[in-house]
Amino acid sequence: MEAQMIEMYKIDPDAIYSIRPVDEESEPFKVLSEVIRQDKQKYPIIIRRLTDEDRANRPVKDGAEFGIIDGQHRFRIAQKNGQTEILASINDEEIPPMSTRKMEDVKIALRMNTGIPLTVVQKGKIIYEMSKGKDIAEIGEELFGIATAMAYRCVQAYKVEKNIKTSTKVRNKVVTEKKLTDLGEIWSQIPRYESEIDFNDINKSVEQLDMIEKLEHQLGSVKRIFLSKNDIKDEFTRLKKDRRAKRRAEKNSAN
């Protein structure tokens, strides 16, 4: 595949499956951005022509002729840098039928990324997403050449991490700046001591006591959220230790 400059408007980065979603806030993305800034883009992205089936399967932006097999990060960096062209190699191999195309795209991308070691969880994510309607063991063998048990273990590890991250995100959203500001507002209005409660005005005193109860309830919920975040972290650490111990036991029993 010979590299050439391709106009970027002809490439839709979301038209076909990507094995590594781009996180522009991640450290690897920032490091790669700096490397490209200093040394320019040394390695071409890998693209392929979009077919009618591709266009029917996912929305494609106007004017796009290609989808990205490998090089999502480099493409996003080029976009941020305001480039109008990017170095790319067109994969002109025979495009497989729709039923296997996603698998073929991933295999090519994995071959292009042989220098990047994938963790158990990363492999599990790829196997999990590729195995919709297919056997996990079969996908694991085809993509990574790993044994059946390992394929299922990779997927299980991914599911555990996915659930933990989702739970953490939910809890992070609950404790917002507005919520803490609201709590501060309630705190500024409630009486600090019993002597400050106006028992001569029944409506006023009930209102004050209700505010105290509301504050206690909301502080309790914030406390539970922060505690549960620690619980999640501890649980994640425990699961990782359990997995390591299980692997050691399996290795010892095999020997």
C-alpha atoms as a PDB file:
ATOM      1  CA  MET A   1       0.000   0.000   0.000  1.00  0.00           C
ATOM      2  CA  GLU A   2       1.661   3.176  -1.189  1.00  0.00           C
ATOM      3  CA  ALA A   3       1.216   6.272   0.979  1.00  0.00           C
ATOM      4  CA  GLN A   4      -0.181   9.458  -0.526  1.00  0.00           C
ATOM      5  CA  MET A   5      -1.716  12.732   0.585  1.00  0.00           C
ATOM      6  CA  ILE A   6      -5.526  12.485   0.775  1.00  0.00           C
ATOM      7  CA  GLU A   7      -7.856  15.432   1.247  1.00  0.00           C
ATOM      8  CA  MET A   8      -9.337  15.109   4.708  1.00  0.00           C
ATOM      9  CA  TYR A   9     -12.900  15.937   3.704  1.00  0.00           C
ATOM     10  CA  LYS A  10     -12.891  12.681   1.731  1.00  0.00           C
ATOM     11  CA  ILE A  11     -12.383  10.674   4.938  1.00  0.00           C
ATOM     12  CA  ASP A  12     -15.151   9.969   7.454  1.00  0.00           C
ATOM     13  CA  PRO A  13     -13.495   8.840  10.721  1.00  0.00           C
ATOM     14  CA  ASP A  14     -16.762   7.382  12.041  1.00  0.00           C
ATOM     15  CA  ALA A  15     -17.874   5.496   8.934  1.00  0.00           C
ATOM     16  CA  ILE A  16     -16.399   2.134   9.962  1.00  0.00           C
ATOM     17  CA  TYR A  17     -15.586   0.342  13.208  1.00  0.00           C
ATOM     18  CA  SER A  18     -12.690   1.618  15.344  1.00  0.00           C
ATOM     19  CA  ILE A  19     -10.969  -0.665  17.841  1.00  0.00           C
ATOM     20  CA  ARG A  20      -9.605   2.237  19.876  1.00  0.00           C
ATOM     21  CA  PRO A  21     -11.976   5.141  20.555  1.00  0.00           C
ATOM     22  CA  VAL A  22     -10.209   8.507  20.680  1.00  0.00           C
ATOM     23  CA  ASP A  23      -9.956  10.267  24.042  1.00  0.00           C
ATOM     24  CA  GLU A  24      -8.440  13.689  23.369  1.00  0.00           C
ATOM     25  CA  GLU A  25      -7.930  14.264  27.107  1.00  0.00           C
ATOM     26  CA  SER A  26      -5.876  11.089  27.551  1.00  0.00           C
ATOM     27  CA  GLU A  27      -2.126  11.193  28.104  1.00  0.00           C
ATOM     28  CA  PRO A  28      -1.315   8.993  25.042  1.00  0.00           C
ATOM     29  CA  PHE A  29      -3.254  11.389  22.779  1.00  0.00           C
ATOM     30  CA  LYS A  30      -1.392  14.395  24.186  1.00  0.00           C
ATOM     31  CA  VAL A  31       1.975  12.647  23.834  1.00  0.00           C
ATOM     32  CA  LEU A  32       1.249  11.635  20.225  1.00  0.00           C
ATOM     33  CA  SER A  33       0.124  15.208  19.461  1.00  0.00           C
ATOM     34  CA  GLU A  34       3.452  16.530  20.727  1.00  0.00           C
ATOM     35  CA  VAL A  35       5.440  13.916  18.790  1.00  0.00           C
ATOM     36  CA  ILE A  36       3.617  14.804  15.548  1.00  0.00           C
ATOM     37  CA  ARG A  37       4.075  18.523  16.274  1.00  0.00           C
ATOM     38  CA  GLN A  38       7.835  18.040  16.537  1.00  0.00           C
ATOM     39  CA  ASP A  39       8.499  15.361  13.908  1.00  0.00           C
ATOM     40  CA  LYS A  40       5.449  15.632  11.616  1.00  0.00           C
ATOM     41  CA  GLN A  41       3.393  12.562  10.702  1.00  0.00           C
ATOM     42  CA  LYS A  42       5.843   9.759   9.841  1.00  0.00           C
ATOM     43  CA  TYR A  43       3.398   6.892   9.424  1.00  0.00           C
ATOM     44  CA  PRO A  44       0.332   6.977   7.162  1.00  0.00           C
ATOM     45  CA  ILE A  45      -3.140   6.191   8.397  1.00  0.00           C
ATOM     46  CA  ILE A  46      -4.797   3.175   6.755  1.00  0.00           C
ATOM     47  CA  ILE A  47      -8.081   3.824   4.971  1.00  0.00           C
ATOM     48  CA  ARG A  48     -10.388   1.899   2.657  1.00  0.00           C
ATOM     49  CA  ARG A  49     -13.037   2.876   0.167  1.00  0.00           C
ATOM     50  CA  LEU A  50     -16.582   2.959   1.483  1.00  0.00           C
ATOM     51  CA  THR A  51     -19.128   0.711  -0.178  1.00  0.00           C
ATOM     52  CA  ASP A  52     -22.873   1.125  -0.644  1.00  0.00           C
ATOM     53  CA  GLU A  53     -23.319  -1.382   2.172  1.00  0.00           C
ATOM     54  CA  ASP A  54     -21.158   0.767   4.459  1.00  0.00           C
ATOM     55  CA  ARG A  55     -23.293   3.790   3.684  1.00  0.00           C
ATOM     56  CA  ALA A  56     -26.466   1.819   4.353  1.00  0.00           C
ATOM     57  CA  ASN A  57     -25.081   0.522   7.639  1.00  0.00           C
ATOM     58  CA  ARG A  58     -23.969   3.872   9.143  1.00  0.00           C
ATOM     59  CA  PRO A  59     -24.496   7.558   8.322  1.00  0.00           C
ATOM     60  CA  VAL A  60     -21.615   8.899   6.213  1.00  0.00           C
ATOM     61  CA  LYS A  61     -20.723  12.581   5.970  1.00  0.00           C
ATOM     62  CA  ASP A  62     -21.167  14.344   2.640  1.00  0.00           C
ATOM     63  CA  GLY A  63     -18.288  13.971   0.198  1.00  0.00           C
ATOM     64  CA  ALA A  64     -16.631  11.128   2.114  1.00  0.00           C
ATOM     65  CA  GLU A  65     -15.093   8.341   0.028  1.00  0.00           C
ATOM     66  CA  PHE A  66     -13.021   6.543   2.673  1.00  0.00           C
ATOM     67  CA  GLY A  67     -13.275   5.175   6.197  1.00  0.00           C
ATOM     68  CA  ILE A  68     -10.386   4.733   8.650  1.00  0.00           C
ATOM     69  CA  ILE A  69      -9.121   1.247   9.444  1.00  0.00           C
ATOM     70  CA  ASP A  70      -6.128   2.406  11.486  1.00  0.00           C
ATOM     71  CA  GLY A  71      -5.069   5.916  12.504  1.00  0.00           C
ATOM     72  CA  GLN A  72      -8.036   7.510  14.265  1.00  0.00           C
ATOM     73  CA  HIS A  73      -5.715   9.358  16.670  1.00  0.00           C
ATOM     74  CA  ARG A  74      -3.501  10.731  13.887  1.00  0.00           C
ATOM     75  CA  PHE A  75      -6.584  11.844  11.959  1.00  0.00           C
ATOM     76  CA  ARG A  76      -8.047  13.691  14.982  1.00  0.00           C
ATOM     77  CA  ILE A  77      -4.701  15.389  15.624  1.00  0.00           C
ATOM     78  CA  ALA A  78      -4.566  16.506  11.971  1.00  0.00           C
ATOM     79  CA  GLN A  79      -8.101  17.898  12.363  1.00  0.00           C
ATOM     80  CA  LYS A  80      -7.089  19.827  15.473  1.00  0.00           C
ATOM     81  CA  ASN A  81      -4.036  21.179  13.656  1.00  0.00           C
ATOM     82  CA  GLY A  82      -6.249  22.489  10.858  1.00  0.00           C
ATOM     83  CA  GLN A  83      -4.778  20.252   8.135  1.00  0.00           C
ATOM     84  CA  THR A  84      -6.647  19.866   4.861  1.00  0.00           C
ATOM     85  CA  GLU A  85      -4.668  16.765   3.776  1.00  0.00           C
ATOM     86  CA  ILE A  86      -3.251  13.739   5.578  1.00  0.00           C
ATOM     87  CA  LEU A  87      -0.735  11.021   4.683  1.00  0.00           C
ATOM     88  CA  ALA A  88      -2.709   7.828   4.071  1.00  0.00           C
ATOM     89  CA  SER A  89      -2.433   4.377   2.521  1.00  0.00           C
ATOM     90  CA  ILE A  90      -5.506   3.035   0.758  1.00  0.00           C
ATOM     91  CA  ASN A  91      -6.167  -0.617   1.488  1.00  0.00           C
ATOM     92  CA  ASP A  92      -7.129  -1.800  -1.983  1.00  0.00           C
ATOM     93  CA  GLU A  93      -7.420  -5.445  -1.028  1.00  0.00           C
ATOM     94  CA  GLU A  94     -10.679  -7.094  -2.028  1.00  0.00           C
ATOM     95  CA  ILE A  95     -13.322  -5.790   0.360  1.00  0.00           C
ATOM     96  CA  PRO A  96     -14.974  -8.731   2.133  1.00  0.00           C
ATOM     97  CA  PRO A  97     -18.757  -9.128   2.392  1.00  0.00           C
ATOM     98  CA  MET A  98     -20.635  -7.110   5.012  1.00  0.00           C
ATOM     99  CA  SER A  99     -20.975 -10.130   7.331  1.00  0.00           C
ATOM    100  CA  THR A 100     -17.198 -10.309   7.881  1.00  0.00           C
ATOM    101  CA  ARG A 101     -16.088  -6.774   7.020  1.00  0.00           C
ATOM    102  CA  LYS A 102     -15.947  -5.474  10.582  1.00  0.00           C
ATOM    103  CA  MET A 103     -13.747  -8.414  11.556  1.00  0.00           C
ATOM    104  CA  GLU A 104     -11.407  -7.827   8.612  1.00  0.00           C
ATOM    105  CA  ASP A 105     -11.080  -4.120   9.437  1.00  0.00           C
ATOM    106  CA  VAL A 106     -10.175  -4.956  13.037  1.00  0.00           C
ATOM    107  CA  LYS A 107      -7.641  -7.598  11.975  1.00  0.00           C
ATOM    108  CA  ILE A 108      -5.889  -5.103   9.699  1.00  0.00           C
ATOM    109  CA  ALA A 109      -5.876  -2.474  12.454  1.00  0.00           C
ATOM    110  CA  LEU A 110      -4.420  -4.985  14.918  1.00  0.00           C
ATOM    111  CA  ARG A 111      -1.683  -5.906  12.426  1.00  0.00           C
ATOM    112  CA  MET A 112      -0.832  -2.221  12.010  1.00  0.00           C
ATOM    113  CA  ASN A 113      -0.609  -1.831  15.793  1.00  0.00           C
ATOM    114  CA  THR A 114       1.658  -4.781  16.556  1.00  0.00           C
ATOM    115  CA  GLY A 115       3.958  -2.484  18.534  1.00  0.00           C
ATOM    116  CA  ILE A 116       1.170  -1.636  20.987  1.00  0.00           C
ATOM    117  CA  PRO A 117       0.723  -4.342  23.645  1.00  0.00           C
ATOM    118  CA  LEU A 118      -2.945  -4.874  24.476  1.00  0.00           C
ATOM    119  CA  THR A 119      -4.008  -5.609  28.041  1.00  0.00           C
ATOM    120  CA  VAL A 120      -6.430  -8.366  29.013  1.00  0.00           C
ATOM    121  CA  VAL A 121      -9.163  -5.743  29.406  1.00  0.00           C
ATOM    122  CA  GLN A 122      -8.428  -4.147  26.002  1.00  0.00           C
ATOM    123  CA  LYS A 123      -8.531  -7.557  24.328  1.00  0.00           C
ATOM    124  CA  GLY A 124     -11.742  -8.314  26.208  1.00  0.00           C
ATOM    125  CA  LYS A 125     -13.340  -5.102  24.917  1.00  0.00           C
ATOM    126  CA  ILE A 126     -12.494  -5.961  21.308  1.00  0.00           C
ATOM    127  CA  ILE A 127     -13.657  -9.582  21.657  1.00  0.00           C
ATOM    128  CA  TYR A 128     -16.848  -8.491  23.439  1.00  0.00           C
ATOM    129  CA  GLU A 129     -17.778  -5.890  20.819  1.00  0.00           C
ATOM    130  CA  MET A 130     -16.896  -8.179  17.925  1.00  0.00           C
ATOM    131  CA  SER A 131     -18.768 -11.188  19.297  1.00  0.00           C
ATOM    132  CA  LYS A 132     -22.323  -9.871  18.897  1.00  0.00           C
ATOM    133  CA  GLY A 133     -24.052 -12.947  17.520  1.00  0.00           C
ATOM    134  CA  LYS A 134     -20.786 -14.911  17.415  1.00  0.00           C
ATOM    135  CA  ASP A 135     -18.967 -17.169  19.837  1.00  0.00           C
ATOM    136  CA  ILE A 136     -16.493 -15.365  22.124  1.00  0.00           C
ATOM    137  CA  ALA A 137     -13.986 -18.218  21.930  1.00  0.00           C
ATOM    138  CA  GLU A 138     -14.103 -18.170  18.136  1.00  0.00           C
ATOM    139  CA  ILE A 139     -13.477 -14.405  17.981  1.00  0.00           C
ATOM    140  CA  GLY A 140     -10.646 -14.618  20.534  1.00  0.00           C
ATOM    141  CA  GLU A 141      -8.961 -17.347  18.520  1.00  0.00           C
ATOM    142  CA  GLU A 142      -9.378 -15.490  15.224  1.00  0.00           C
ATOM    143  CA  LEU A 143      -8.147 -12.114  16.462  1.00  0.00           C
ATOM    144  CA  PHE A 144      -5.544 -12.993  19.067  1.00  0.00           C
ATOM    145  CA  GLY A 145      -4.948 -16.734  18.765  1.00  0.00           C
ATOM    146  CA  ILE A 146      -5.866 -17.214  22.437  1.00  0.00           C
ATOM    147  CA  ALA A 147      -7.389 -20.273  24.066  1.00  0.00           C
ATOM    148  CA  THR A 148     -11.106 -20.535  24.864  1.00  0.00           C
ATOM    149  CA  ALA A 149     -10.741 -20.000  28.628  1.00  0.00           C
ATOM    150  CA  MET A 150      -8.551 -16.948  28.078  1.00  0.00           C
ATOM    151  CA  ALA A 151     -11.041 -15.410  25.645  1.00  0.00           C
ATOM    152  CA  TYR A 152     -13.834 -15.683  28.203  1.00  0.00           C
ATOM    153  CA  ARG A 153     -11.550 -14.379  30.971  1.00  0.00           C
ATOM    154  CA  CYS A 154     -10.638 -11.336  28.860  1.00  0.00           C
ATOM    155  CA  VAL A 155     -14.309 -10.550  28.258  1.00  0.00           C
ATOM    156  CA  GLN A 156     -15.162 -11.024  31.939  1.00  0.00           C
ATOM    157  CA  ALA A 157     -12.338  -8.681  32.969  1.00  0.00           C
ATOM    158  CA  TYR A 158     -13.633  -6.073  30.505  1.00  0.00           C
ATOM    159  CA  LYS A 159     -17.213  -6.374  31.799  1.00  0.00           C
ATOM    160  CA  VAL A 160     -16.051  -5.922  35.403  1.00  0.00           C
ATOM    161  CA  GLU A 161     -14.021  -2.824  34.549  1.00  0.00           C
ATOM    162  CA  LYS A 162     -16.841  -1.448  32.397  1.00  0.00           C
ATOM    163  CA  ASN A 163     -19.356  -1.819  35.256  1.00  0.00           C
ATOM    164  CA  ILE A 164     -16.996  -0.226  37.769  1.00  0.00           C
ATOM    165  CA  LYS A 165     -16.242   2.739  35.505  1.00  0.00           C
ATOM    166  CA  THR A 166     -19.940   3.242  34.782  1.00  0.00           C
ATOM    167  CA  SER A 167     -20.767   3.226  38.496  1.00  0.00           C
ATOM    168  CA  THR A 168     -17.998   5.728  39.211  1.00  0.00           C
ATOM    169  CA  LYS A 169     -19.206   8.062  36.436  1.00  0.00           C
ATOM    170  CA  VAL A 170     -22.760   7.984  37.805  1.00  0.00           C
ATOM    171  CA  ARG A 171     -21.533   8.888  41.274  1.00  0.00           C
ATOM    172  CA  ASN A 172     -19.276  11.648  39.946  1.00  0.00           C
ATOM    173  CA  LYS A 173     -22.280  13.224  38.210  1.00  0.00           C
ATOM    174  CA  VAL A 174     -24.405  13.142  41.365  1.00  0.00           C
ATOM    175  CA  VAL A 175     -22.056  15.331  43.433  1.00  0.00           C
ATOM    176  CA  THR A 176     -22.134  18.461  41.302  1.00  0.00           C
ATOM    177  CA  GLU A 177     -20.927  21.951  42.101  1.00  0.00           C
ATOM    178  CA  LYS A 178     -24.573  23.098  42.164  1.00  0.00           C
ATOM    179  CA  LYS A 179     -25.449  20.462  44.740  1.00  0.00           C
ATOM    180  CA  LEU A 180     -22.600  21.548  47.012  1.00  0.00           C
ATOM    181  CA  THR A 181     -23.601  25.215  46.534  1.00  0.00           C
ATOM    182  CA  ASP A 182     -27.200  24.365  47.456  1.00  0.00           C
ATOM    183  CA  LEU A 183     -25.987  22.601  50.597  1.00  0.00           C
ATOM    184  CA  GLY A 184     -23.955  25.655  51.513  1.00  0.00           C
ATOM    185  CA  GLU A 185     -27.030  27.826  51.025  1.00  0.00           C
ATOM    186  CA  ILE A 186     -29.079  25.625  53.385  1.00  0.00           C
ATOM    187  CA  TRP A 187     -26.227  25.628  55.903  1.00  0.00           C
ATOM    188  CA  SER A 188     -26.172  29.435  55.929  1.00  0.00           C
ATOM    189  CA  GLN A 189     -29.895  29.588  56.770  1.00  0.00           C
ATOM    190  CA  ILE A 190     -30.355  26.978  59.488  1.00  0.00           C
ATOM    191  CA  PRO A 191     -29.921  27.758  63.188  1.00  0.00           C
ATOM    192  CA  ARG A 192     -26.698  26.410  64.711  1.00  0.00           C
ATOM    193  CA  TYR A 193     -28.012  26.100  68.265  1.00  0.00           C
ATOM    194  CA  GLU A 194     -31.324  25.190  69.867  1.00  0.00           C
ATOM    195  CA  SER A 195     -31.549  28.701  71.323  1.00  0.00           C
ATOM    196  CA  GLU A 196     -31.729  30.096  67.787  1.00  0.00           C
ATOM    197  CA  ILE A 197     -34.909  28.164  66.971  1.00  0.00           C
ATOM    198  CA  ASP A 198     -37.975  30.350  67.328  1.00  0.00           C
ATOM    199  CA  PHE A 199     -40.380  28.069  69.216  1.00  0.00           C
ATOM    200  CA  ASN A 200     -42.823  30.965  69.687  1.00  0.00           C
ATOM    201  CA  ASP A 201     -43.569  30.904  65.952  1.00  0.00           C
ATOM    202  CA  ILE A 202     -44.677  27.326  65.228  1.00  0.00           C
ATOM    203  CA  ASN A 203     -44.532  27.742  61.450  1.00  0.00           C
ATOM    204  CA  LYS A 204     -41.076  29.294  61.606  1.00  0.00           C
ATOM    205  CA  SER A 205     -39.706  26.626  63.951  1.00  0.00           C
ATOM    206  CA  VAL A 206     -41.126  23.781  61.821  1.00  0.00           C
ATOM    207  CA  GLU A 207     -39.545  25.387  58.752  1.00  0.00           C
ATOM    208  CA  GLN A 208     -36.183  25.612  60.540  1.00  0.00           C
ATOM    209  CA  LEU A 209     -36.347  21.985  61.698  1.00  0.00           C
ATOM    210  CA  ASP A 210     -37.321  20.863  58.201  1.00  0.00           C
ATOM    211  CA  MET A 211     -34.246  22.647  56.808  1.00  0.00           C
ATOM    212  CA  ILE A 212     -32.025  20.888  59.355  1.00  0.00           C
ATOM    213  CA  GLU A 213     -33.543  17.517  58.415  1.00  0.00           C
ATOM    214  CA  LYS A 214     -33.094  18.301  54.707  1.00  0.00           C
ATOM    215  CA  LEU A 215     -29.458  19.224  55.239  1.00  0.00           C
ATOM    216  CA  GLU A 216     -28.791  16.062  57.253  1.00  0.00           C
ATOM    217  CA  HIS A 217     -30.410  13.969  54.525  1.00  0.00           C
ATOM    218  CA  GLN A 218     -28.461  15.604  51.702  1.00  0.00           C
ATOM    219  CA  LEU A 219     -25.164  15.512  53.581  1.00  0.00           C
ATOM    220  CA  GLY A 220     -25.834  11.836  54.221  1.00  0.00           C
ATOM    221  CA  SER A 221     -26.345  11.179  50.518  1.00  0.00           C
ATOM    222  CA  VAL A 222     -23.128  13.033  49.626  1.00  0.00           C
ATOM    223  CA  LYS A 223     -21.267  11.080  52.292  1.00  0.00           C
ATOM    224  CA  ARG A 224     -22.635   7.782  50.944  1.00  0.00           C
ATOM    225  CA  ILE A 225     -21.577   8.744  47.412  1.00  0.00           C
ATOM    226  CA  PHE A 226     -18.013   9.486  48.466  1.00  0.00           C
ATOM    227  CA  LEU A 227     -17.870   6.324  50.553  1.00  0.00           C
ATOM    228  CA  SER A 228     -19.215   4.232  47.663  1.00  0.00           C
ATOM    229  CA  LYS A 229     -16.520   5.678  45.393  1.00  0.00           C
ATOM    230  CA  ASN A 230     -13.923   4.399  47.861  1.00  0.00           C
ATOM    231  CA  ASP A 231     -15.752   1.077  48.047  1.00  0.00           C
ATOM    232  CA  ILE A 232     -15.602   0.797  44.249  1.00  0.00           C
ATOM    233  CA  LYS A 233     -11.877   1.526  44.257  1.00  0.00           C
ATOM    234  CA  ASP A 234     -11.318  -1.095  46.971  1.00  0.00           C
ATOM    235  CA  GLU A 235     -13.509  -3.585  45.094  1.00  0.00           C
ATOM    236  CA  PHE A 236     -11.570  -3.017  41.877  1.00  0.00           C
ATOM    237  CA  THR A 237      -8.266  -3.551  43.728  1.00  0.00           C
ATOM    238  CA  ARG A 238      -9.635  -6.730  45.336  1.00  0.00           C
ATOM    239  CA  LEU A 239     -10.845  -8.111  41.996  1.00  0.00           C
ATOM    240  CA  LYS A 240      -7.455  -7.469  40.399  1.00  0.00           C
ATOM    241  CA  LYS A 241      -5.739  -9.278  43.290  1.00  0.00           C
ATOM    242  CA  ASP A 242      -8.186 -12.183  42.996  1.00  0.00           C
ATOM    243  CA  ARG A 243      -7.521 -12.443  39.237  1.00  0.00           C
ATOM    244  CA  ARG A 244      -3.762 -12.485  39.794  1.00  0.00           C
ATOM    245  CA  ALA A 245      -4.100 -15.129  42.519  1.00  0.00           C
ATOM    246  CA  LYS A 246      -6.354 -17.234  40.260  1.00  0.00           C
ATOM    247  CA  ARG A 247      -3.852 -17.025  37.394  1.00  0.00           C
ATOM    248  CA  ARG A 248      -1.010 -18.070  39.704  1.00  0.00           C
ATOM    249  CA  ALA A 249      -3.072 -21.020  40.964  1.00  0.00           C
ATOM    250  CA  GLU A 250      -3.923 -22.090  37.403  1.00  0.00           C
ATOM    251  CA  LYS A 251      -0.279 -21.815  36.407  1.00  0.00           C
ATOM    252  CA  ASN A 252       0.860 -23.862  39.406  1.00  0.00           C
ATOM    253  CA  SER A 253      -1.772 -26.555  38.792  1.00  0.00           C
ATOM    254  CA  ALA A 254      -0.712 -26.762  35.124  1.00  0.00           C
ATOM    255  CA  ASN A 255       2.895 -27.333  36.198  1.00  0.00           C
END
